[in-house]
């Protein structure tokens, strides 16, 4: 950050996907692609918490025996909990 006015220094780059001129708040080193804001949004997975296209796996809750859907493939080496039982274990 610039100590005088609190604004970040911006660097001029070309988007690696659409080749448009853009600015980013970091100095690119050239070892990774840099994208404009539109292409960056397309490259990033959604973080909206809604699951989106995330693959879900069926499991049986280790506490209540009910059905559970989890965002990882259970291997059986650790207990898997449904949403309600997981919440009980977090507290």
PDB file of N, CA and C in Angstrom:
ATOM      1  N   UNK A   1       0.831  -1.185   0.000  1.00  0.00           N
ATOM      2  CA  UNK A   1       0.000   0.000   0.000  1.00  0.00           C
ATOM      3  C   UNK A   1       0.871   1.242   0.000  1.00  0.00           C
ATOM      4  N   UNK A   2       0.393   2.237  -0.612  1.00  0.00           N
ATOM      5  CA  UNK A   2       1.077   3.513  -0.628  1.00  0.00           C
ATOM      6  C   UNK A   2       0.821   4.191   0.725  1.00  0.00           C
ATOM      7  N   UNK A   3       1.873   4.523   1.431  1.00  0.00           N
ATOM      8  CA  UNK A   3       1.742   5.083   2.757  1.00  0.00           C
ATOM      9  C   UNK A   3       1.081   6.443   2.785  1.00  0.00           C
ATOM     10  N   UNK A   4       1.020   7.141   1.669  1.00  0.00           N
ATOM     11  CA  UNK A   4       0.483   8.497   1.665  1.00  0.00           C
ATOM     12  C   UNK A   4      -1.029   8.557   1.542  1.00  0.00           C
ATOM     13  N   UNK A   5      -1.619   7.768   0.648  1.00  0.00           N
ATOM     14  CA  UNK A   5      -3.055   7.912   0.427  1.00  0.00           C
ATOM     15  C   UNK A   5      -3.843   6.617   0.632  1.00  0.00           C
ATOM     16  N   UNK A   6      -3.209   5.516   1.000  1.00  0.00           N
ATOM     17  CA  UNK A   6      -3.902   4.274   1.278  1.00  0.00           C
ATOM     18  C   UNK A   6      -4.316   3.479   0.062  1.00  0.00           C
ATOM     19  N   UNK A   7      -4.017   3.937  -1.140  1.00  0.00           N
ATOM     20  CA  UNK A   7      -4.384   3.197  -2.342  1.00  0.00           C
ATOM     21  C   UNK A   7      -3.275   2.224  -2.708  1.00  0.00           C
ATOM     22  N   UNK A   8      -3.674   1.077  -3.234  1.00  0.00           N
ATOM     23  CA  UNK A   8      -2.696   0.077  -3.658  1.00  0.00           C
ATOM     24  C   UNK A   8      -2.114   0.446  -5.012  1.00  0.00           C
ATOM     25  N   UNK A   9      -0.862   0.105  -5.187  1.00  0.00           N
ATOM     26  CA  UNK A   9      -0.224   0.312  -6.488  1.00  0.00           C
ATOM     27  C   UNK A   9      -0.798  -0.711  -7.458  1.00  0.00           C
ATOM     28  N   UNK A  10      -1.119  -0.270  -8.663  1.00  0.00           N
ATOM     29  CA  UNK A  10      -1.688  -1.144  -9.683  1.00  0.00           C
ATOM     30  C   UNK A  10      -0.651  -1.359 -10.780  1.00  0.00           C
ATOM     31  N   UNK A  11      -0.673  -2.549 -11.382  1.00  0.00           N
ATOM     32  CA  UNK A  11       0.279  -2.914 -12.417  1.00  0.00           C
ATOM     33  C   UNK A  11      -0.468  -3.236 -13.704  1.00  0.00           C
ATOM     34  N   UNK A  12       0.048  -2.737 -14.829  1.00  0.00           N
ATOM     35  CA  UNK A  12      -0.549  -2.972 -16.138  1.00  0.00           C
ATOM     36  C   UNK A  12      -0.137  -4.342 -16.659  1.00  0.00           C
ATOM     37  N   UNK A  13      -1.133  -5.117 -17.129  1.00  0.00           N
ATOM     38  CA  UNK A  13      -0.886  -6.448 -17.698  1.00  0.00           C
ATOM     39  C   UNK A  13      -1.877  -6.695 -18.831  1.00  0.00           C
ATOM     40  N   UNK A  14      -1.630  -7.746 -19.582  1.00  0.00           N
ATOM     41  CA  UNK A  14      -2.580  -8.236 -20.581  1.00  0.00           C
ATOM     42  C   UNK A  14      -3.176  -9.524 -20.036  1.00  0.00           C
ATOM     43  N   UNK A  15      -4.487  -9.663 -20.144  1.00  0.00           N
ATOM     44  CA  UNK A  15      -5.175 -10.863 -19.683  1.00  0.00           C
ATOM     45  C   UNK A  15      -4.675 -12.068 -20.468  1.00  0.00           C
ATOM     46  N   UNK A  16      -4.351 -13.137 -19.761  1.00  0.00           N
ATOM     47  CA  UNK A  16      -3.835 -14.343 -20.382  1.00  0.00           C
ATOM     48  C   UNK A  16      -4.882 -15.052 -21.229  1.00  0.00           C
ATOM     49  N   UNK A  17      -6.170 -14.774 -20.991  1.00  0.00           N
ATOM     50  CA  UNK A  17      -7.215 -15.454 -21.746  1.00  0.00           C
ATOM     51  C   UNK A  17      -7.749 -14.618 -22.910  1.00  0.00           C
ATOM     52  N   UNK A  18      -8.147 -13.381 -22.646  1.00  0.00           N
ATOM     53  CA  UNK A  18      -8.783 -12.567 -23.692  1.00  0.00           C
ATOM     54  C   UNK A  18      -7.859 -11.496 -24.260  1.00  0.00           C
ATOM     55  N   UNK A  19      -6.676 -11.362 -23.705  1.00  0.00           N
ATOM     56  CA  UNK A  19      -5.639 -10.447 -24.192  1.00  0.00           C
ATOM     57  C   UNK A  19      -6.001  -8.969 -24.060  1.00  0.00           C
ATOM     58  N   UNK A  20      -6.970  -8.629 -23.210  1.00  0.00           N
ATOM     59  CA  UNK A  20      -7.343  -7.239 -22.988  1.00  0.00           C
ATOM     60  C   UNK A  20      -6.358  -6.617 -21.992  1.00  0.00           C
ATOM     61  N   UNK A  21      -6.100  -5.314 -22.134  1.00  0.00           N
ATOM     62  CA  UNK A  21      -5.266  -4.603 -21.176  1.00  0.00           C
ATOM     63  C   UNK A  21      -6.057  -4.429 -19.882  1.00  0.00           C
ATOM     64  N   UNK A  22      -5.428  -4.713 -18.762  1.00  0.00           N
ATOM     65  CA  UNK A  22      -6.080  -4.591 -17.463  1.00  0.00           C
ATOM     66  C   UNK A  22      -5.050  -4.215 -16.409  1.00  0.00           C
ATOM     67  N   UNK A  23      -5.504  -3.991 -15.202  1.00  0.00           N
ATOM     68  CA  UNK A  23      -4.602  -3.686 -14.092  1.00  0.00           C
ATOM     69  C   UNK A  23      -4.887  -4.641 -12.941  1.00  0.00           C
ATOM     70  N   UNK A  24      -3.828  -4.998 -12.233  1.00  0.00           N
ATOM     71  CA  UNK A  24      -3.947  -5.885 -11.078  1.00  0.00           C
ATOM     72  C   UNK A  24      -3.193  -5.264  -9.901  1.00  0.00           C
ATOM     73  N   UNK A  25      -3.610  -5.593  -8.663  1.00  0.00           N
ATOM     74  CA  UNK A  25      -2.998  -4.988  -7.480  1.00  0.00           C
ATOM     75  C   UNK A  25      -1.757  -5.736  -6.977  1.00  0.00           C
ATOM     76  N   UNK A  26      -1.060  -6.414  -7.870  1.00  0.00           N
ATOM     77  CA  UNK A  26       0.180  -7.101  -7.514  1.00  0.00           C
ATOM     78  C   UNK A  26       1.097  -7.069  -8.720  1.00  0.00           C
ATOM     79  N   UNK A  27       2.380  -7.242  -8.475  1.00  0.00           N
ATOM     80  CA  UNK A  27       3.361  -7.216  -9.556  1.00  0.00           C
ATOM     81  C   UNK A  27       3.542  -8.645 -10.083  1.00  0.00           C
ATOM     82  N   UNK A  28       2.996  -8.965 -11.251  1.00  0.00           N
ATOM     83  CA  UNK A  28       3.101 -10.320 -11.790  1.00  0.00           C
ATOM     84  C   UNK A  28       4.561 -10.718 -12.012  1.00  0.00           C
ATOM     85  N   UNK A  29       4.861 -11.960 -11.685  1.00  0.00           N
ATOM     86  CA  UNK A  29       6.233 -12.455 -11.828  1.00  0.00           C
ATOM     87  C   UNK A  29       6.441 -13.199 -13.138  1.00  0.00           C
ATOM     88  N   UNK A  30       5.346 -13.515 -13.831  1.00  0.00           N
ATOM     89  CA  UNK A  30       5.461 -14.215 -15.102  1.00  0.00           C
ATOM     90  C   UNK A  30       5.387 -15.723 -14.985  1.00  0.00           C
ATOM     91  N   UNK A  31       5.346 -16.256 -13.771  1.00  0.00           N
ATOM     92  CA  UNK A  31       5.303 -17.710 -13.612  1.00  0.00           C
ATOM     93  C   UNK A  31       3.880 -18.263 -13.587  1.00  0.00           C
ATOM     94  N   UNK A  32       2.886 -17.364 -13.515  1.00  0.00           N
ATOM     95  CA  UNK A  32       1.490 -17.796 -13.547  1.00  0.00           C
ATOM     96  C   UNK A  32       0.695 -16.854 -14.434  1.00  0.00           C
ATOM     97  N   UNK A  33      -0.382 -17.348 -15.060  1.00  0.00           N
ATOM     98  CA  UNK A  33      -1.200 -16.469 -15.900  1.00  0.00           C
ATOM     99  C   UNK A  33      -1.920 -15.430 -15.044  1.00  0.00           C
ATOM    100  N   UNK A  34      -2.157 -14.270 -15.612  1.00  0.00           N
ATOM    101  CA  UNK A  34      -2.890 -13.194 -14.962  1.00  0.00           C
ATOM    102  C   UNK A  34      -4.110 -12.899 -15.822  1.00  0.00           C
ATOM    103  N   UNK A  35      -5.272 -12.724 -15.171  1.00  0.00           N
ATOM    104  CA  UNK A  35      -6.527 -12.544 -15.891  1.00  0.00           C
ATOM    105  C   UNK A  35      -7.178 -11.200 -15.553  1.00  0.00           C
ATOM    106  N   UNK A  36      -7.969 -10.688 -16.499  1.00  0.00           N
ATOM    107  CA  UNK A  36      -8.808  -9.531 -16.209  1.00  0.00           C
ATOM    108  C   UNK A  36      -9.892 -10.005 -15.231  1.00  0.00           C
ATOM    109  N   UNK A  37     -10.654  -9.091 -14.669  1.00  0.00           N
ATOM    110  CA  UNK A  37     -11.633  -9.489 -13.654  1.00  0.00           C
ATOM    111  C   UNK A  37     -12.696 -10.433 -14.217  1.00  0.00           C
ATOM    112  N   UNK A  38     -13.126 -10.228 -15.462  1.00  0.00           N
ATOM    113  CA  UNK A  38     -14.139 -11.118 -16.040  1.00  0.00           C
ATOM    114  C   UNK A  38     -13.608 -12.533 -16.231  1.00  0.00           C
ATOM    115  N   UNK A  39     -12.407 -12.653 -16.789  1.00  0.00           N
ATOM    116  CA  UNK A  39     -11.832 -13.983 -17.012  1.00  0.00           C
ATOM    117  C   UNK A  39     -11.433 -14.641 -15.693  1.00  0.00           C
ATOM    118  N   UNK A  40     -11.026 -13.846 -14.714  1.00  0.00           N
ATOM    119  CA  UNK A  40     -10.681 -14.387 -13.402  1.00  0.00           C
ATOM    120  C   UNK A  40     -11.897 -15.058 -12.771  1.00  0.00           C
ATOM    121  N   UNK A  41     -13.070 -14.416 -12.890  1.00  0.00           N
ATOM    122  CA  UNK A  41     -14.295 -14.997 -12.340  1.00  0.00           C
ATOM    123  C   UNK A  41     -14.618 -16.329 -13.001  1.00  0.00           C
ATOM    124  N   UNK A  42     -14.336 -16.453 -14.294  1.00  0.00           N
ATOM    125  CA  UNK A  42     -14.587 -17.707 -15.016  1.00  0.00           C
ATOM    126  C   UNK A  42     -13.622 -18.802 -14.575  1.00  0.00           C
ATOM    127  N   UNK A  43     -12.391 -18.420 -14.216  1.00  0.00           N
ATOM    128  CA  UNK A  43     -11.357 -19.382 -13.836  1.00  0.00           C
ATOM    129  C   UNK A  43     -11.553 -19.915 -12.418  1.00  0.00           C
ATOM    130  N   UNK A  44     -12.093 -19.085 -11.522  1.00  0.00           N
ATOM    131  CA  UNK A  44     -12.234 -19.443 -10.112  1.00  0.00           C
ATOM    132  C   UNK A  44     -13.469 -20.294  -9.883  1.00  0.00           C
ATOM    133  N   UNK A  45     -13.355 -21.310  -9.019  1.00  0.00           N
ATOM    134  CA  UNK A  45     -14.562 -22.043  -8.637  1.00  0.00           C
ATOM    135  C   UNK A  45     -15.466 -21.151  -7.781  1.00  0.00           C
ATOM    136  N   UNK A  46     -16.737 -21.425  -7.813  1.00  0.00           N
ATOM    137  CA  UNK A  46     -17.688 -20.642  -7.040  1.00  0.00           C
ATOM    138  C   UNK A  46     -17.437 -20.804  -5.546  1.00  0.00           C
ATOM    139  N   UNK A  47     -17.580 -19.706  -4.818  1.00  0.00           N
ATOM    140  CA  UNK A  47     -17.435 -19.753  -3.366  1.00  0.00           C
ATOM    141  C   UNK A  47     -18.732 -19.323  -2.700  1.00  0.00           C
ATOM    142  N   UNK A  48     -19.846 -19.541  -3.354  1.00  0.00           N
ATOM    143  CA  UNK A  48     -21.110 -19.055  -2.819  1.00  0.00           C
ATOM    144  C   UNK A  48     -21.700 -19.954  -1.754  1.00  0.00           C
ATOM    145  N   UNK A  49     -21.071 -21.090  -1.481  1.00  0.00           N
ATOM    146  CA  UNK A  49     -21.563 -21.985  -0.448  1.00  0.00           C
ATOM    147  C   UNK A  49     -22.747 -22.817  -0.906  1.00  0.00           C
ATOM    148  N   UNK A  50     -23.214 -22.604  -2.097  1.00  0.00           N
ATOM    149  CA  UNK A  50     -24.365 -23.337  -2.582  1.00  0.00           C
ATOM    150  C   UNK A  50     -24.016 -24.687  -3.174  1.00  0.00           C
ATOM    151  N   UNK A  51     -22.762 -25.010  -3.253  1.00  0.00           N
ATOM    152  CA  UNK A  51     -22.367 -26.300  -3.781  1.00  0.00           C
ATOM    153  C   UNK A  51     -22.123 -26.268  -5.267  1.00  0.00           C
ATOM    154  N   UNK A  52     -22.948 -25.526  -6.003  1.00  0.00           N
ATOM    155  CA  UNK A  52     -22.752 -25.416  -7.442  1.00  0.00           C
ATOM    156  C   UNK A  52     -22.574 -26.761  -8.111  1.00  0.00           C
ATOM    157  N   UNK A  53     -21.482 -26.933  -8.824  1.00  0.00           N
ATOM    158  CA  UNK A  53     -21.216 -28.171  -9.540  1.00  0.00           C
ATOM    159  C   UNK A  53     -20.388 -29.156  -8.726  1.00  0.00           C
ATOM    160  N   UNK A  54     -20.213 -28.892  -7.459  1.00  0.00           N
ATOM    161  CA  UNK A  54     -19.391 -29.741  -6.608  1.00  0.00           C
ATOM    162  C   UNK A  54     -20.002 -31.128  -6.508  1.00  0.00           C
ATOM    163  N   UNK A  55     -19.171 -32.135  -6.698  1.00  0.00           N
ATOM    164  CA  UNK A  55     -19.646 -33.511  -6.594  1.00  0.00           C
ATOM    165  C   UNK A  55     -19.878 -33.867  -5.142  1.00  0.00           C
ATOM    166  N   UNK A  56     -21.028 -34.470  -4.861  1.00  0.00           N
ATOM    167  CA  UNK A  56     -21.358 -34.892  -3.507  1.00  0.00           C
ATOM    168  C   UNK A  56     -21.410 -36.424  -3.477  1.00  0.00           C
ATOM    169  N   UNK A  57     -21.049 -36.977  -2.333  1.00  0.00           N
ATOM    170  CA  UNK A  57     -20.994 -38.426  -2.173  1.00  0.00           C
ATOM    171  C   UNK A  57     -21.964 -38.861  -1.088  1.00  0.00           C
ATOM    172  N   UNK A  58     -22.579 -40.031  -1.290  1.00  0.00           N
ATOM    173  CA  UNK A  58     -23.482 -40.596  -0.293  1.00  0.00           C
ATOM    174  C   UNK A  58     -22.672 -41.242   0.818  1.00  0.00           C
ATOM    175  N   UNK A  59     -23.168 -41.088   2.048  1.00  0.00           N
ATOM    176  CA  UNK A  59     -22.509 -41.679   3.204  1.00  0.00           C
ATOM    177  C   UNK A  59     -23.573 -42.006   4.245  1.00  0.00           C
ATOM    178  N   UNK A  60     -23.187 -42.797   5.227  1.00  0.00           N
ATOM    179  CA  UNK A  60     -24.049 -43.119   6.353  1.00  0.00           C
ATOM    180  C   UNK A  60     -23.467 -42.452   7.590  1.00  0.00           C
ATOM    181  N   UNK A  61     -24.302 -41.724   8.315  1.00  0.00           N
ATOM    182  CA  UNK A  61     -23.849 -41.003   9.492  1.00  0.00           C
ATOM    183  C   UNK A  61     -23.369 -41.989  10.553  1.00  0.00           C
ATOM    184  N   UNK A  62     -22.191 -41.736  11.100  1.00  0.00           N
ATOM    185  CA  UNK A  62     -21.597 -42.605  12.110  1.00  0.00           C
ATOM    186  C   UNK A  62     -22.341 -42.520  13.441  1.00  0.00           C
ATOM    187  N   UNK A  63     -23.115 -41.458  13.678  1.00  0.00           N
ATOM    188  CA  UNK A  63     -23.849 -41.320  14.940  1.00  0.00           C
ATOM    189  C   UNK A  63     -25.267 -41.873  14.844  1.00  0.00           C
ATOM    190  N   UNK A  64     -26.053 -41.307  13.931  1.00  0.00           N
ATOM    191  CA  UNK A  64     -27.477 -41.650  13.891  1.00  0.00           C
ATOM    192  C   UNK A  64     -27.828 -42.702  12.848  1.00  0.00           C
ATOM    193  N   UNK A  65     -26.892 -43.017  11.948  1.00  0.00           N
ATOM    194  CA  UNK A  65     -27.156 -44.017  10.911  1.00  0.00           C
ATOM    195  C   UNK A  65     -27.954 -43.487   9.739  1.00  0.00           C
ATOM    196  N   UNK A  66     -28.265 -42.203   9.764  1.00  0.00           N
ATOM    197  CA  UNK A  66     -29.027 -41.605   8.685  1.00  0.00           C
ATOM    198  C   UNK A  66     -28.182 -41.368   7.446  1.00  0.00           C
ATOM    199  N   UNK A  67     -28.867 -41.017   6.375  1.00  0.00           N
ATOM    200  CA  UNK A  67     -28.170 -40.717   5.124  1.00  0.00           C
ATOM    201  C   UNK A  67     -27.505 -39.355   5.216  1.00  0.00           C
ATOM    202  N   UNK A  68     -26.350 -39.241   4.584  1.00  0.00           N
ATOM    203  CA  UNK A  68     -25.625 -37.974   4.550  1.00  0.00           C
ATOM    204  C   UNK A  68     -25.042 -37.790   3.165  1.00  0.00           C
ATOM    205  N   UNK A  69     -24.912 -36.547   2.745  1.00  0.00           N
ATOM    206  CA  UNK A  69     -24.215 -36.205   1.499  1.00  0.00           C
ATOM    207  C   UNK A  69     -23.031 -35.349   1.907  1.00  0.00           C
ATOM    208  N   UNK A  70     -21.856 -35.741   1.444  1.00  0.00           N
ATOM    209  CA  UNK A  70     -20.635 -35.029   1.824  1.00  0.00           C
ATOM    210  C   UNK A  70     -19.837 -34.671   0.583  1.00  0.00           C
ATOM    211  N   UNK A  71     -19.022 -33.576   0.647  1.00  0.00           N
ATOM    212  CA  UNK A  71     -18.275 -33.113  -0.522  1.00  0.00           C
ATOM    213  C   UNK A  71     -16.928 -33.807  -0.701  1.00  0.00           C
ATOM    214  N   UNK A  72     -16.794 -35.014  -0.160  1.00  0.00           N
ATOM    215  CA  UNK A  72     -15.570 -35.799  -0.322  1.00  0.00           C
ATOM    216  C   UNK A  72     -15.965 -37.259  -0.382  1.00  0.00           C
ATOM    217  N   UNK A  73     -15.114 -38.081  -0.921  1.00  0.00           N
ATOM    218  CA  UNK A  73     -15.394 -39.508  -1.030  1.00  0.00           C
ATOM    219  C   UNK A  73     -14.949 -40.194   0.258  1.00  0.00           C
ATOM    220  N   UNK A  74     -15.895 -40.636   1.100  1.00  0.00           N
ATOM    221  CA  UNK A  74     -15.526 -41.257   2.368  1.00  0.00           C
ATOM    222  C   UNK A  74     -14.722 -42.538   2.133  1.00  0.00           C
ATOM    223  N   UNK A  75     -13.640 -42.677   2.873  1.00  0.00           N
ATOM    224  CA  UNK A  75     -12.774 -43.854   2.714  1.00  0.00           C
ATOM    225  C   UNK A  75     -13.002 -44.894   3.794  1.00  0.00           C
ATOM    226  N   UNK A  76     -13.751 -44.542   4.838  1.00  0.00           N
ATOM    227  CA  UNK A  76     -14.037 -45.489   5.904  1.00  0.00           C
ATOM    228  C   UNK A  76     -13.041 -45.432   7.054  1.00  0.00           C
ATOM    229  N   UNK A  77     -11.972 -44.668   6.906  1.00  0.00           N
ATOM    230  CA  UNK A  77     -10.977 -44.604   7.976  1.00  0.00           C
ATOM    231  C   UNK A  77     -11.316 -43.560   9.037  1.00  0.00           C
ATOM    232  N   UNK A  78     -12.322 -42.723   8.789  1.00  0.00           N
ATOM    233  CA  UNK A  78     -12.758 -41.712   9.750  1.00  0.00           C
ATOM    234  C   UNK A  78     -14.277 -41.659   9.735  1.00  0.00           C
ATOM    235  N   UNK A  79     -14.890 -41.300  10.862  1.00  0.00           N
ATOM    236  CA  UNK A  79     -16.359 -41.216  10.880  1.00  0.00           C
ATOM    237  C   UNK A  79     -16.863 -40.064  10.015  1.00  0.00           C
ATOM    238  N   UNK A  80     -18.027 -40.276   9.437  1.00  0.00           N
ATOM    239  CA  UNK A  80     -18.701 -39.255   8.633  1.00  0.00           C
ATOM    240  C   UNK A  80     -20.046 -39.002   9.292  1.00  0.00           C
ATOM    241  N   UNK A  81     -20.426 -37.726   9.391  1.00  0.00           N
ATOM    242  CA  UNK A  81     -21.657 -37.360  10.074  1.00  0.00           C
ATOM    243  C   UNK A  81     -22.613 -36.625   9.138  1.00  0.00           C
ATOM    244  N   UNK A  82     -23.908 -36.776   9.427  1.00  0.00           N
ATOM    245  CA  UNK A  82     -24.908 -35.979   8.723  1.00  0.00           C
ATOM    246  C   UNK A  82     -24.771 -34.540   9.218  1.00  0.00           C
ATOM    247  N   UNK A  83     -25.495 -33.635   8.612  1.00  0.00           N
ATOM    248  CA  UNK A  83     -25.398 -32.212   8.958  1.00  0.00           C
ATOM    249  C   UNK A  83     -25.696 -31.963  10.443  1.00  0.00           C
ATOM    250  N   UNK A  84     -26.767 -32.578  10.962  1.00  0.00           N
ATOM    251  CA  UNK A  84     -27.149 -32.341  12.356  1.00  0.00           C
ATOM    252  C   UNK A  84     -26.113 -32.888  13.330  1.00  0.00           C
ATOM    253  N   UNK A  85     -25.650 -34.107  13.105  1.00  0.00           N
ATOM    254  CA  UNK A  85     -24.663 -34.711  14.017  1.00  0.00           C
ATOM    255  C   UNK A  85     -23.318 -34.002  13.903  1.00  0.00           C
ATOM    256  N   UNK A  86     -22.971 -33.561  12.704  1.00  0.00           N
ATOM    257  CA  UNK A  86     -21.717 -32.812  12.532  1.00  0.00           C
ATOM    258  C   UNK A  86     -21.750 -31.543  13.374  1.00  0.00           C
ATOM    259  N   UNK A  87     -22.897 -30.860  13.383  1.00  0.00           N
ATOM    260  CA  UNK A  87     -23.031 -29.642  14.166  1.00  0.00           C
ATOM    261  C   UNK A  87     -22.855 -29.935  15.657  1.00  0.00           C
ATOM    262  N   UNK A  88     -23.334 -31.066  16.117  1.00  0.00           N
ATOM    263  CA  UNK A  88     -23.179 -31.439  17.544  1.00  0.00           C
ATOM    264  C   UNK A  88     -21.710 -31.674  17.874  1.00  0.00           C
ATOM    265  N   UNK A  89     -20.965 -32.261  16.963  1.00  0.00           N
ATOM    266  CA  UNK A  89     -19.543 -32.566  17.194  1.00  0.00           C
ATOM    267  C   UNK A  89     -18.672 -31.320  17.119  1.00  0.00           C
ATOM    268  N   UNK A  90     -19.121 -30.292  16.435  1.00  0.00           N
ATOM    269  CA  UNK A  90     -18.329 -29.055  16.315  1.00  0.00           C
ATOM    270  C   UNK A  90     -18.328 -28.267  17.614  1.00  0.00           C
ATOM    271  N   UNK A  91     -19.369 -28.417  18.408  1.00  0.00           N
ATOM    272  CA  UNK A  91     -19.488 -27.615  19.648  1.00  0.00           C
ATOM    273  C   UNK A  91     -18.920 -28.305  20.827  1.00  0.00           C
TER     274      UNK A  91
END
